[in-house]
N, C-alpha and C. Protein backbone atom coordinates (compact mmCIF):
# COMPACT_ATOMS: atom_id res chain seq x y z
N MET A 1 13.27 9.93 -3.63
CA MET A 1 13.93 11.25 -2.84
C MET A 1 13.27 11.53 -1.44
N ASN A 2 14.26 11.62 -0.56
CA ASN A 2 13.84 11.29 1.18
C ASN A 2 13.55 12.38 1.32
N TYR A 3 12.25 13.35 1.61
CA TYR A 3 12.45 14.64 2.29
C TYR A 3 11.80 14.49 3.18
N LEU A 4 12.29 13.89 4.44
CA LEU A 4 12.75 14.02 6.00
C LEU A 4 14.22 13.59 5.95
N LYS A 5 15.22 13.85 5.34
CA LYS A 5 16.77 14.04 5.59
C LYS A 5 16.89 13.90 7.90
N SER A 6 17.69 13.14 7.70
CA SER A 6 18.50 13.69 9.35
C SER A 6 19.95 13.65 8.55
N ASN A 7 20.99 14.53 9.44
CA ASN A 7 22.37 13.96 9.47
C ASN A 7 22.65 12.78 11.04
N SER A 8 20.99 12.79 11.38
CA SER A 8 21.74 11.21 12.69
C SER A 8 21.96 9.50 11.46
N SER A 9 22.33 9.18 12.31
CA SER A 9 22.38 7.71 11.43
C SER A 9 21.30 6.76 11.16
N SER A 10 20.49 6.02 9.62
CA SER A 10 19.55 6.33 9.29
C SER A 10 19.63 4.43 9.36
N VAL A 11 20.42 3.75 10.01
CA VAL A 11 20.36 2.76 11.02
C VAL A 11 18.74 1.88 11.19
N PRO A 12 18.83 2.47 12.16
CA PRO A 12 17.93 2.65 13.51
C PRO A 12 16.49 2.20 11.91
N LYS A 13 15.74 4.42 11.24
CA LYS A 13 15.07 4.50 10.77
C LYS A 13 15.26 3.31 10.05
N ASP A 14 15.96 2.89 8.49
CA ASP A 14 15.68 2.17 7.75
C ASP A 14 15.23 0.40 8.20
N ILE A 15 15.55 0.31 9.46
CA ILE A 15 14.89 -0.99 10.33
C ILE A 15 13.76 -0.65 10.20
N ILE A 16 13.54 0.53 10.91
CA ILE A 16 11.90 1.21 11.56
C ILE A 16 11.52 0.45 9.78
N LEU A 17 12.42 1.21 8.88
CA LEU A 17 11.00 1.76 7.47
C LEU A 17 10.84 0.10 7.31
N LEU A 18 11.67 -0.54 7.35
CA LEU A 18 11.28 -2.17 6.55
C LEU A 18 10.27 -3.24 7.15
N VAL A 19 10.23 -3.13 8.72
CA VAL A 19 9.96 -3.05 9.47
C VAL A 19 7.76 -3.49 9.33
N VAL A 20 8.21 -2.52 9.47
CA VAL A 20 6.68 -1.03 8.82
C VAL A 20 6.28 -1.63 7.49
N ARG A 21 6.87 -1.93 6.51
CA ARG A 21 6.63 -2.54 5.30
C ARG A 21 5.84 -3.51 5.75
N VAL A 22 6.35 -4.20 6.10
CA VAL A 22 6.75 -6.08 6.14
C VAL A 22 5.73 -6.12 6.38
N PHE A 23 5.29 -5.79 8.54
CA PHE A 23 3.97 -5.52 9.39
C PHE A 23 2.67 -5.57 8.09
N VAL A 24 3.36 -4.10 7.74
CA VAL A 24 1.59 -3.38 7.36
C VAL A 24 0.96 -3.81 5.59
N GLY A 25 2.07 -4.35 4.69
CA GLY A 25 2.18 -5.30 3.88
C GLY A 25 1.54 -6.53 4.19
N PHE A 26 1.95 -7.51 4.73
CA PHE A 26 0.69 -8.79 5.53
C PHE A 26 0.12 -8.58 5.89
N ALA A 27 -0.42 -7.03 6.53
CA ALA A 27 -1.62 -6.54 7.14
C ALA A 27 -2.69 -6.51 6.17
N MET A 28 -2.46 -6.40 5.20
CA MET A 28 -3.27 -5.97 4.18
C MET A 28 -2.86 -6.99 2.97
N LEU A 29 -2.54 -8.02 3.32
CA LEU A 29 -2.78 -9.12 2.21
C LEU A 29 -3.51 -9.92 2.51
N SER A 30 -4.41 -9.95 4.03
CA SER A 30 -4.75 -10.56 4.83
C SER A 30 -5.75 -9.61 4.81
N HIS A 31 -6.50 -8.55 3.77
CA HIS A 31 -7.35 -7.90 3.38
C HIS A 31 -7.71 -8.30 1.37
N GLY A 32 -6.58 -8.52 1.15
CA GLY A 32 -7.16 -8.38 -0.34
C GLY A 32 -6.83 -9.58 -0.58
N PHE A 33 -6.27 -10.67 -0.16
CA PHE A 33 -7.00 -12.78 -0.34
C PHE A 33 -8.25 -12.47 -0.30
N PRO A 34 -8.56 -12.57 0.52
CA PRO A 34 -10.21 -12.49 0.28
C PRO A 34 -10.64 -12.12 -0.93
N LYS A 35 -10.71 -11.00 -1.62
CA LYS A 35 -11.23 -10.42 -2.54
C LYS A 35 -10.47 -11.05 -3.77
N LEU A 36 -9.50 -11.76 -3.70
CA LEU A 36 -8.41 -12.48 -4.70
C LEU A 36 -9.26 -13.82 -4.84
N GLN A 37 -9.37 -14.68 -4.29
CA GLN A 37 -10.54 -15.22 -3.98
C GLN A 37 -11.99 -15.32 -4.45
N MET A 38 -12.48 -14.37 -3.51
CA MET A 38 -14.09 -14.00 -4.45
C MET A 38 -13.76 -13.84 -5.67
N LEU A 39 -12.38 -13.07 -6.15
CA LEU A 39 -12.52 -12.77 -8.16
C LEU A 39 -12.29 -13.59 -9.12
N LEU A 40 -11.12 -14.93 -8.20
CA LEU A 40 -11.26 -15.67 -9.17
C LEU A 40 -12.50 -16.87 -8.67
N GLU A 41 -13.53 -16.84 -7.53
CA GLU A 41 -14.18 -18.28 -7.87
C GLU A 41 -15.57 -17.83 -9.12
N GLY A 42 -15.48 -17.15 -9.14
CA GLY A 42 -16.24 -16.60 -10.17
C GLY A 42 -18.31 -17.21 -9.86
N GLY A 43 -17.83 -16.60 -9.24
CA GLY A 43 -19.82 -16.55 -9.03
C GLY A 43 -20.30 -14.67 -8.71
N LYS A 44 -21.49 -15.26 -8.21
CA LYS A 44 -21.81 -13.32 -8.66
C LYS A 44 -21.42 -12.86 -7.80
N ILE A 45 -20.83 -11.47 -7.53
CA ILE A 45 -19.69 -10.40 -7.35
C ILE A 45 -21.05 -9.52 -6.54
N GLU A 46 -20.38 -8.86 -5.38
CA GLU A 46 -21.56 -8.14 -4.85
C GLU A 46 -20.07 -7.02 -4.71
N PHE A 47 -19.73 -5.66 -4.01
CA PHE A 47 -18.40 -5.34 -4.52
C PHE A 47 -19.39 -3.69 -4.36
N TYR A 48 -19.01 -2.45 -3.32
CA TYR A 48 -19.32 -1.97 -3.64
C TYR A 48 -18.53 -1.25 -4.57
N ASP A 49 -19.27 -0.29 -5.82
CA ASP A 49 -19.08 0.55 -7.08
C ASP A 49 -18.54 1.69 -7.08
N PHE A 50 -17.76 1.86 -6.57
CA PHE A 50 -17.39 3.41 -5.59
C PHE A 50 -17.20 4.66 -7.34
N ILE A 51 -16.70 4.44 -8.30
CA ILE A 51 -16.03 4.93 -9.89
C ILE A 51 -16.80 4.94 -10.74
N GLY A 52 -18.31 3.74 -10.02
CA GLY A 52 -18.79 3.99 -12.05
C GLY A 52 -19.07 2.84 -12.23
N LEU A 53 -17.80 2.34 -12.64
CA LEU A 53 -17.75 1.23 -13.98
C LEU A 53 -17.87 -0.03 -13.45
N GLY A 54 -18.79 -0.61 -12.14
CA GLY A 54 -19.12 -2.17 -12.19
C GLY A 54 -18.84 -2.06 -11.22
N PRO A 55 -19.03 -3.02 -10.60
CA PRO A 55 -18.28 -3.82 -8.95
C PRO A 55 -17.71 -4.90 -9.64
N LEU A 56 -17.31 -5.56 -10.74
CA LEU A 56 -16.69 -6.87 -11.61
C LEU A 56 -15.11 -5.60 -11.58
N VAL A 57 -15.40 -4.67 -12.08
CA VAL A 57 -14.17 -4.06 -12.37
C VAL A 57 -13.61 -3.24 -11.20
N THR A 58 -14.63 -2.17 -9.85
CA THR A 58 -14.15 -2.74 -9.04
C THR A 58 -13.18 -3.32 -7.41
N LEU A 59 -13.39 -4.62 -8.16
CA LEU A 59 -13.41 -5.50 -7.61
C LEU A 59 -11.42 -5.67 -8.16
N ILE A 60 -11.48 -5.30 -8.87
CA ILE A 60 -10.70 -6.02 -9.58
C ILE A 60 -8.90 -4.91 -9.57
N LEU A 61 -9.52 -3.23 -9.28
CA LEU A 61 -8.55 -2.44 -9.09
C LEU A 61 -8.07 -2.97 -6.88
N THR A 62 -9.38 -3.09 -6.49
CA THR A 62 -8.35 -3.49 -5.65
C THR A 62 -8.09 -4.69 -4.71
N VAL A 63 -7.96 -5.47 -5.22
CA VAL A 63 -7.21 -6.20 -6.07
C VAL A 63 -5.71 -6.15 -6.58
N VAL A 64 -6.19 -5.39 -6.80
CA VAL A 64 -4.51 -5.07 -7.23
C VAL A 64 -3.86 -4.18 -6.22
N ALA A 65 -4.65 -3.15 -5.60
CA ALA A 65 -4.01 -2.08 -4.40
C ALA A 65 -3.75 -3.14 -2.91
N GLU A 66 -4.73 -4.02 -2.87
CA GLU A 66 -4.67 -4.48 -1.65
C GLU A 66 -3.95 -5.33 -1.37
N PHE A 67 -3.05 -6.42 -3.06
CA PHE A 67 -3.12 -8.17 -2.76
C PHE A 67 -1.91 -7.70 -3.59
N VAL A 68 -1.53 -7.15 -4.12
CA VAL A 68 -0.59 -6.64 -5.51
C VAL A 68 0.30 -5.89 -5.43
N CYS A 69 -0.48 -4.17 -4.27
CA CYS A 69 0.83 -3.31 -4.13
C CYS A 69 1.20 -3.92 -2.35
N SER A 70 0.47 -4.82 -2.12
CA SER A 70 1.19 -5.04 -0.64
C SER A 70 2.03 -6.46 -0.85
N ILE A 71 2.62 -6.86 -1.36
CA ILE A 71 3.53 -7.72 -2.54
C ILE A 71 4.87 -7.27 -2.94
N LEU A 72 4.34 -5.82 -4.06
CA LEU A 72 5.56 -4.56 -4.02
C LEU A 72 5.74 -3.85 -2.69
N LEU A 73 4.67 -3.50 -2.08
CA LEU A 73 5.94 -2.98 -0.84
C LEU A 73 6.24 -4.06 0.17
N ILE A 74 5.65 -4.89 0.73
CA ILE A 74 6.55 -6.06 0.96
C ILE A 74 7.82 -5.50 1.11
N LEU A 75 7.89 -5.94 -0.52
CA LEU A 75 9.62 -6.38 -0.84
C LEU A 75 10.56 -4.45 -0.98
N GLY A 76 9.60 -4.09 -1.28
CA GLY A 76 10.30 -2.79 -0.87
C GLY A 76 10.51 -1.96 -2.68
N LEU A 77 9.78 -2.06 -3.77
CA LEU A 77 9.83 -2.60 -5.76
C LEU A 77 8.97 -1.34 -5.86
N PHE A 78 9.01 -0.55 -6.41
CA PHE A 78 7.57 0.25 -6.98
C PHE A 78 7.35 1.35 -5.86
N THR A 79 7.52 1.10 -4.69
CA THR A 79 7.60 1.46 -3.02
C THR A 79 6.26 2.81 -3.49
N ARG A 80 6.67 3.50 -3.97
CA ARG A 80 5.78 4.62 -4.59
C ARG A 80 4.87 5.09 -4.69
N ILE A 81 4.55 4.20 -5.80
CA ILE A 81 3.80 3.51 -7.04
C ILE A 81 2.68 2.56 -6.36
N SER A 82 3.62 2.17 -5.29
CA SER A 82 2.00 1.33 -4.85
C SER A 82 1.55 1.78 -3.45
N LEU A 83 2.67 2.75 -3.41
CA LEU A 83 1.55 3.51 -2.55
C LEU A 83 0.34 4.42 -2.47
N GLY A 84 0.70 5.16 -3.95
CA GLY A 84 -0.27 5.74 -4.37
C GLY A 84 -1.06 5.07 -3.91
N PHE A 85 -1.28 4.11 -5.40
CA PHE A 85 -2.81 2.94 -5.11
C PHE A 85 -3.09 3.06 -4.12
N LEU A 86 -2.41 2.54 -3.23
CA LEU A 86 -3.11 1.44 -1.76
C LEU A 86 -3.55 2.48 -1.15
N ILE A 87 -2.71 3.73 -1.43
CA ILE A 87 -3.39 5.42 -0.24
C ILE A 87 -4.64 5.71 -0.70
N PHE A 88 -4.85 5.91 -2.02
CA PHE A 88 -6.52 5.70 -3.09
C PHE A 88 -7.27 5.16 -2.95
N THR A 89 -7.60 3.57 -1.71
CA THR A 89 -7.67 2.47 -1.92
C THR A 89 -8.70 2.57 -1.26
N MET A 90 -7.88 2.87 -0.03
CA MET A 90 -7.66 3.35 1.57
C MET A 90 -8.74 4.34 2.02
N ALA A 91 -8.45 6.21 0.71
CA ALA A 91 -9.31 6.93 0.90
C ALA A 91 -10.14 7.22 0.52
N MET A 92 -10.84 5.74 -0.35
CA MET A 92 -12.36 5.36 -1.22
C MET A 92 -13.34 4.49 0.11
N ALA A 93 -11.89 3.80 0.75
CA ALA A 93 -13.11 2.88 2.23
C ALA A 93 -13.29 3.48 2.64
N ALA A 94 -12.45 4.35 3.81
CA ALA A 94 -12.48 5.50 4.69
C ALA A 94 -13.38 6.06 4.29
N PHE A 95 -13.24 7.00 3.61
CA PHE A 95 -14.72 8.49 3.28
C PHE A 95 -15.60 7.86 2.88
N LEU A 96 -15.15 7.01 1.43
CA LEU A 96 -16.90 6.41 0.96
C LEU A 96 -17.14 5.21 0.91
N VAL A 97 -16.89 4.62 0.53
CA VAL A 97 -17.44 2.88 1.09
C VAL A 97 -17.82 2.75 2.71
N HIS A 98 -17.05 3.75 4.08
CA HIS A 98 -17.73 3.79 5.04
C HIS A 98 -18.21 5.31 6.00
N GLY A 99 -18.15 5.86 4.55
CA GLY A 99 -18.37 7.60 5.14
C GLY A 99 -19.57 7.56 5.76
N ALA A 100 -20.40 6.68 5.83
CA ALA A 100 -21.96 7.25 6.84
C ALA A 100 -22.10 6.32 7.63
N ASP A 101 -21.24 5.43 7.77
CA ASP A 101 -21.01 4.63 8.56
C ASP A 101 -19.72 4.78 10.26
N PRO A 102 -20.61 4.52 11.15
CA PRO A 102 -20.03 5.56 12.30
C PRO A 102 -17.78 4.53 12.69
N PHE A 103 -17.56 5.84 13.36
CA PHE A 103 -15.69 5.25 13.49
C PHE A 103 -15.08 4.12 13.24
N GLU A 104 -15.98 3.71 14.36
CA GLU A 104 -15.40 2.13 14.53
C GLU A 104 -15.47 1.19 12.78
N LYS A 105 -16.20 1.56 12.60
CA LYS A 105 -15.76 1.01 10.99
C LYS A 105 -15.19 1.47 10.06
N ARG A 106 -15.21 3.08 10.13
CA ARG A 106 -13.80 3.52 8.66
C ARG A 106 -12.41 3.16 10.07
N GLU A 107 -12.48 2.95 10.82
CA GLU A 107 -10.53 3.47 12.11
C GLU A 107 -10.24 3.06 11.30
N LEU A 108 -9.86 0.79 11.08
CA LEU A 108 -8.51 0.12 10.42
C LEU A 108 -8.17 0.95 8.88
N SER A 109 -8.78 1.41 7.75
CA SER A 109 -8.97 1.98 6.89
C SER A 109 -8.36 3.56 7.23
N LEU A 110 -8.31 4.13 8.12
CA LEU A 110 -7.74 5.74 8.03
C LEU A 110 -6.60 5.32 8.94
N ILE A 111 -6.03 4.05 10.41
CA ILE A 111 -4.97 3.73 10.09
C ILE A 111 -4.31 3.16 9.26
N TYR A 112 -4.56 2.27 8.23
CA TYR A 112 -3.77 2.26 6.83
C TYR A 112 -3.64 3.33 6.03
N LEU A 113 -4.44 4.12 6.24
CA LEU A 113 -4.18 5.90 5.87
C LEU A 113 -2.63 6.21 5.23
N SER A 114 -3.31 6.51 7.36
CA SER A 114 -2.34 7.04 7.95
C SER A 114 -0.68 6.43 8.04
N VAL A 115 -0.62 5.19 8.00
CA VAL A 115 0.72 4.72 7.92
C VAL A 115 1.14 4.63 6.34
N TYR A 116 0.31 4.33 5.83
CA TYR A 116 1.32 4.49 3.65
C TYR A 116 1.57 6.17 3.57
N LEU A 117 0.41 6.43 4.31
CA LEU A 117 1.36 8.24 4.40
C LEU A 117 2.62 9.01 5.13
N LEU A 118 2.66 8.28 6.09
CA LEU A 118 4.21 8.22 6.19
C LEU A 118 5.45 7.77 5.45
N LEU A 119 4.55 6.24 4.93
CA LEU A 119 5.66 5.05 3.89
C LEU A 119 6.21 6.56 3.16
N MET A 120 4.84 7.37 2.40
CA MET A 120 5.49 7.52 0.49
C MET A 120 5.94 8.91 1.72
N ALA A 121 5.93 10.01 2.57
CA ALA A 121 7.36 10.48 2.89
C ALA A 121 8.80 10.89 3.38
N PHE A 122 8.87 8.47 3.75
CA PHE A 122 10.15 8.37 4.62
C PHE A 122 10.81 7.83 3.01
N GLY A 123 9.59 7.43 2.18
CA GLY A 123 10.48 6.65 1.20
C GLY A 123 10.08 5.56 1.95
N ALA A 124 10.86 4.09 1.29
CA ALA A 124 10.98 2.55 1.02
C ALA A 124 12.85 2.48 1.85
N GLY A 125 13.38 3.68 2.01
CA GLY A 125 14.11 2.64 3.39
C GLY A 125 15.54 2.48 2.27
N LYS A 126 16.65 2.00 3.07
CA LYS A 126 17.80 1.44 2.72
C LYS A 126 17.81 -0.59 2.33
N ALA A 127 16.57 -0.59 3.06
CA ALA A 127 16.57 -2.70 2.87
C ALA A 127 15.79 -2.32 2.32
N SER A 128 15.47 -2.14 0.87
CA SER A 128 13.99 -2.19 -0.62
C SER A 128 15.26 -2.78 -1.98
N VAL A 129 14.78 -3.38 -2.53
CA VAL A 129 15.43 -3.49 -4.11
C VAL A 129 14.73 -2.05 -4.95
N ASP A 130 14.34 -0.75 -4.84
CA ASP A 130 14.45 0.18 -4.80
C ASP A 130 15.30 0.61 -4.44
N HIS A 131 15.95 0.68 -3.41
CA HIS A 131 17.16 1.02 -3.18
C HIS A 131 18.50 0.98 -3.73
N MET A 132 18.39 -0.78 -4.06
CA MET A 132 19.11 -1.28 -4.62
C MET A 132 19.64 -0.84 -6.32
N ILE A 133 18.36 -0.45 -6.76
CA ILE A 133 18.21 -0.40 -8.01
C ILE A 133 18.52 1.25 -7.65
N GLU A 134 18.19 2.07 -7.38
CA GLU A 134 18.89 2.76 -7.67
C GLU A 134 20.53 3.08 -6.74
N LYS A 135 20.86 2.13 -6.10
CA LYS A 135 22.21 2.34 -5.94
C LYS A 135 23.07 1.28 -7.18
N ARG A 136 22.87 1.16 -7.45
CA ARG A 136 22.96 0.63 -8.88
C ARG A 136 23.30 1.07 -10.37
N LYS A 137 21.75 2.11 -9.92
CA LYS A 137 21.90 3.59 -11.51
C LYS A 137 22.99 3.93 -10.85
N ARG A 138 23.15 4.53 -9.71
CA ARG A 138 24.47 5.32 -9.21
C ARG A 138 25.83 4.36 -9.72
N ALA A 139 25.94 3.73 -9.93
CA ALA A 139 27.13 3.76 -9.51
C ALA A 139 27.49 3.68 -11.16
N SER A 140 26.57 2.46 -12.19
CA SER A 140 26.46 3.46 -13.67
C SER A 140 26.57 3.93 -14.43
N ASP A 141 26.93 5.61 -13.50
CA ASP A 141 26.89 6.69 -13.10
C ASP A 141 27.73 6.92 -13.67
N TRP A 142 28.81 5.92 -13.25
CA TRP A 142 30.34 6.38 -12.71
C TRP A 142 31.34 6.20 -14.31
């Protein structure tokens, strides 16, 4: 579902959505990959426990959001579901993990949060796996 439809050509919008999805996805991968490495090393895990499930579970959930969901975002596959996880993670990072820190520490997570909210509103665009799946579903309905 696209909340912000316009009557003008959607080609520039779809190109911009693709570029933003790919750029932000790869940028978030640079945050998720070190956490994945920390998880796979198997040493003592010191990670913020914001849910009360323990640092290990919190780290696993963060890796799923920042690494797995970023790959899905780049592909445009299950985009809105992935964005839900990413939005939750960035909100927790901005308001809980860095809540008492100065704005400079929270700024990056707030920027990611803003971009993810915009992508949630606009959708993945036509240059996405989600769109190809939807297009196939519509074609098979005939």
